[in-house]
Amino acid sequence: MLDNSPLQLEQDQLVAQRDGLSIKSVLGDMRDLSVFESESFDLVFNPCSLSFVPNVQSVFAEAYRVLRSEGLLLCGFVNPARFIFDEKQLEEGRLHARHPLPYSDETHLTSIEKNQLKSDGEPFTFSHSLEGLITGQLKAGFVLRDLFEDISAEDPVSDFFPAYFATLAMKPGMKTN
């Protein structure tokens, strides 16, 4: 289990203990998996965390490196279109288009809003184009096996379009003669 949040890793350990599972927790950054050897995993699961990095290509490249031949990358992400809406108004159930895409807290928020995020200990978010999310996996060497759209009853955008996507990609096996 890799995460850049000590609190999340602590929560993961509590859940694992509760469920009788043994996991290894590693504090780190998904863009740099150098703490893991190449070809050491059969599955990499990335649950909608790509919106916390400005560039996704290094995430896909590192996932490819640590996966064994025919290993799987299961990757969830926020629908890029969701980022056009004002987050505070979304929390109130109102859809108000505010931001052009691609979106970044660093460039789209006011100084007051950015300072509030920092003081609340919240990470900055970044949108990525659907093209970048899909071709990023392909350019890293993955073969896309499946795509799934999902809605969330708590997310007002789900009344109009899927708020989330997930892809299943595979690192191709080595050809032998």
Protein backbone atom coordinates (compact mmCIF):
# COMPACT_ATOMS: atom_id res chain seq x y z
CA MET A 1 0.00 0.00 0.00
CA LEU A 2 1.58 3.27 -1.12
CA ASP A 3 0.20 6.68 -0.23
CA ASN A 4 1.62 10.14 0.39
CA SER A 5 -0.61 10.60 3.45
CA PRO A 6 0.50 9.11 6.77
CA LEU A 7 -3.10 9.39 8.01
CA GLN A 8 -4.40 7.37 5.04
CA LEU A 9 -1.77 4.68 5.59
CA GLU A 10 -2.73 4.52 9.26
CA GLN A 11 -6.38 4.08 8.29
CA ASP A 12 -5.42 1.37 5.78
CA GLN A 13 -3.55 -0.52 8.52
CA LEU A 14 -6.55 -0.29 10.86
CA VAL A 15 -8.90 -1.68 8.21
CA ALA A 16 -6.43 -4.45 7.33
CA GLN A 17 -6.09 -5.45 11.00
CA ARG A 18 -9.86 -5.38 11.46
CA ASP A 19 -10.28 -7.68 8.46
CA GLY A 20 -7.39 -9.99 9.38
CA LEU A 21 -5.20 -8.91 6.45
CA SER A 22 -1.49 -8.30 6.36
CA ILE A 23 -0.35 -5.32 4.30
CA LYS A 24 2.86 -3.38 3.96
CA SER A 25 2.40 0.40 4.09
CA VAL A 26 4.83 2.65 2.25
CA LEU A 27 4.86 6.44 2.45
CA GLY A 28 5.65 7.76 -1.01
CA ASP A 29 4.66 9.44 -4.23
CA MET A 30 2.91 7.55 -7.04
CA ARG A 31 5.09 9.39 -9.57
CA ASP A 32 8.23 7.77 -8.14
CA LEU A 33 7.96 4.08 -7.27
CA SER A 34 11.74 3.61 -7.01
CA VAL A 35 11.26 2.00 -3.58
CA PHE A 36 9.88 -1.01 -5.51
CA GLU A 37 11.84 -3.28 -7.81
CA SER A 38 10.92 -3.54 -11.48
CA GLU A 39 8.40 -6.26 -12.33
CA SER A 40 7.48 -6.89 -8.68
CA PHE A 41 3.66 -6.62 -8.79
CA ASP A 42 0.80 -8.39 -10.56
CA LEU A 43 -1.66 -5.55 -9.95
CA VAL A 44 -1.43 -1.80 -9.50
CA PHE A 45 -4.65 -0.15 -8.32
CA ASN A 46 -4.93 3.62 -8.56
CA PRO A 47 -8.29 4.80 -7.14
CA CYS A 48 -9.06 8.26 -8.54
CA SER A 49 -5.86 9.83 -7.24
CA LEU A 50 -4.58 11.14 -10.58
CA SER A 51 -6.34 14.44 -9.96
CA PHE A 52 -3.69 15.18 -7.33
CA VAL A 53 -0.78 15.26 -9.79
CA PRO A 54 -0.23 17.84 -12.54
CA ASN A 55 1.16 15.31 -15.03
CA VAL A 56 -0.02 11.69 -15.22
CA GLN A 57 2.60 10.27 -17.59
CA SER A 58 5.15 9.50 -14.87
CA VAL A 59 2.46 7.65 -12.88
CA PHE A 60 1.69 5.38 -15.83
CA ALA A 61 5.39 4.87 -16.63
CA GLU A 62 6.15 3.86 -13.03
CA ALA A 63 3.14 1.53 -12.86
CA TYR A 64 4.32 -0.13 -16.08
CA ARG A 65 7.84 -0.54 -14.68
CA VAL A 66 6.78 -2.24 -11.43
CA LEU A 67 4.25 -4.58 -13.08
CA ARG A 68 5.19 -8.06 -14.14
CA SER A 69 4.47 -9.27 -17.67
CA GLU A 70 0.67 -9.48 -18.11
CA GLY A 71 0.23 -7.45 -14.91
CA LEU A 72 -2.86 -5.28 -14.61
CA LEU A 73 -3.37 -1.59 -13.97
CA LEU A 74 -6.81 -0.76 -12.60
CA CYS A 75 -7.12 2.99 -12.65
CA GLY A 76 -10.02 5.16 -11.58
CA PHE A 77 -10.32 8.81 -12.44
CA VAL A 78 -12.65 11.75 -12.19
CA ASN A 79 -14.49 12.63 -15.39
CA PRO A 80 -12.55 15.62 -16.77
CA ALA A 81 -15.82 17.46 -17.49
CA ARG A 82 -16.59 17.54 -13.76
CA PHE A 83 -13.86 20.13 -13.25
CA ILE A 84 -15.75 22.89 -15.09
CA PHE A 85 -18.06 23.25 -12.10
CA ASP A 86 -17.52 25.42 -9.03
CA GLU A 87 -16.73 22.98 -6.20
CA LYS A 88 -18.48 24.95 -3.45
CA GLN A 89 -21.69 25.14 -5.47
CA LEU A 90 -21.42 21.43 -6.31
CA GLU A 91 -21.33 20.71 -2.57
CA GLU A 92 -24.64 22.58 -2.35
CA GLY A 93 -26.08 20.53 -5.22
CA ARG A 94 -25.88 23.32 -7.79
CA LEU A 95 -24.14 22.99 -11.14
CA HIS A 96 -22.47 26.27 -12.02
CA ALA A 97 -19.93 26.22 -14.86
CA ARG A 98 -16.97 28.31 -13.69
CA HIS A 99 -13.68 26.90 -14.97
CA PRO A 100 -12.26 26.31 -18.46
CA LEU A 101 -10.40 23.03 -18.96
CA PRO A 102 -7.81 21.84 -18.27
CA TYR A 103 -8.34 22.82 -14.65
CA SER A 104 -5.77 23.42 -11.92
CA ASP A 105 -6.30 24.80 -8.42
CA GLU A 106 -2.95 26.56 -8.89
CA THR A 107 -4.17 28.63 -11.85
CA HIS A 108 -7.97 28.75 -11.53
CA LEU A 109 -8.54 29.66 -7.89
CA THR A 110 -8.19 33.05 -6.27
CA SER A 111 -5.38 33.66 -3.78
CA ILE A 112 -7.92 33.53 -0.96
CA GLU A 113 -9.26 30.15 -2.15
CA LYS A 114 -5.74 28.71 -2.52
CA ASN A 115 -4.77 29.93 0.96
CA GLN A 116 -7.93 28.36 2.38
CA LEU A 117 -7.04 24.99 0.81
CA LYS A 118 -3.53 25.22 2.25
CA SER A 119 -4.74 26.15 5.73
CA ASP A 120 -7.26 23.29 5.62
CA GLY A 121 -4.44 20.90 4.67
CA GLU A 122 -6.18 20.04 1.40
CA PRO A 123 -4.18 19.06 -1.69
CA PHE A 124 -4.44 20.99 -4.94
CA THR A 125 -6.33 19.24 -7.74
CA PHE A 126 -5.72 19.07 -11.47
CA SER A 127 -7.91 17.91 -14.32
CA HIS A 128 -6.56 15.87 -17.19
CA SER A 129 -8.07 15.41 -20.60
CA LEU A 130 -9.70 12.09 -21.40
CA GLU A 131 -7.21 11.83 -24.25
CA GLY A 132 -4.30 12.29 -21.84
CA LEU A 133 -5.65 9.69 -19.43
CA ILE A 134 -6.15 7.05 -22.13
CA THR A 135 -3.17 7.75 -24.39
CA GLY A 136 -0.97 8.18 -21.32
CA GLN A 137 -1.52 4.52 -20.54
CA LEU A 138 -0.99 3.50 -24.17
CA LYS A 139 2.22 5.55 -24.48
CA ALA A 140 3.55 3.89 -21.32
CA GLY A 141 3.12 0.53 -23.11
CA PHE A 142 -0.18 -0.70 -21.69
CA VAL A 143 -2.92 -2.38 -23.70
CA LEU A 144 -6.36 -1.08 -22.75
CA ARG A 145 -8.63 -4.00 -21.88
CA ASP A 146 -11.77 -2.30 -20.57
CA LEU A 147 -13.40 1.01 -19.70
CA PHE A 148 -16.15 1.52 -17.13
CA GLU A 149 -18.23 4.64 -16.43
CA ASP A 150 -19.70 5.18 -12.98
CA ILE A 151 -22.08 7.52 -11.23
CA SER A 152 -22.36 8.59 -7.63
CA ALA A 153 -25.72 9.27 -6.00
CA GLU A 154 -24.03 11.95 -3.86
CA ASP A 155 -22.56 13.78 -6.88
CA PRO A 156 -24.98 16.14 -8.65
CA VAL A 157 -23.17 15.82 -11.99
CA SER A 158 -24.23 12.15 -12.09
CA ASP A 159 -27.73 13.33 -12.98
CA PHE A 160 -26.24 14.45 -16.32
CA PHE A 161 -23.13 12.36 -17.04
CA PRO A 162 -20.92 9.75 -15.36
CA ALA A 163 -18.81 11.47 -12.71
CA TYR A 164 -16.10 8.79 -12.77
CA PHE A 165 -14.35 6.38 -15.12
CA ALA A 166 -12.16 3.36 -14.60
CA THR A 167 -9.84 1.61 -17.00
CA LEU A 168 -8.33 -1.83 -16.93
CA ALA A 169 -5.02 -1.99 -18.76
CA MET A 170 -2.50 -4.80 -19.11
CA LYS A 171 1.26 -4.85 -19.50
CA PRO A 172 1.73 -7.11 -22.53
CA GLY A 173 3.43 -10.47 -22.04
CA MET A 174 6.80 -11.24 -23.50
CA LYS A 175 6.71 -13.11 -26.80
CA THR A 176 8.62 -16.37 -26.84
CA ASN A 177 9.57 -18.58 -29.80
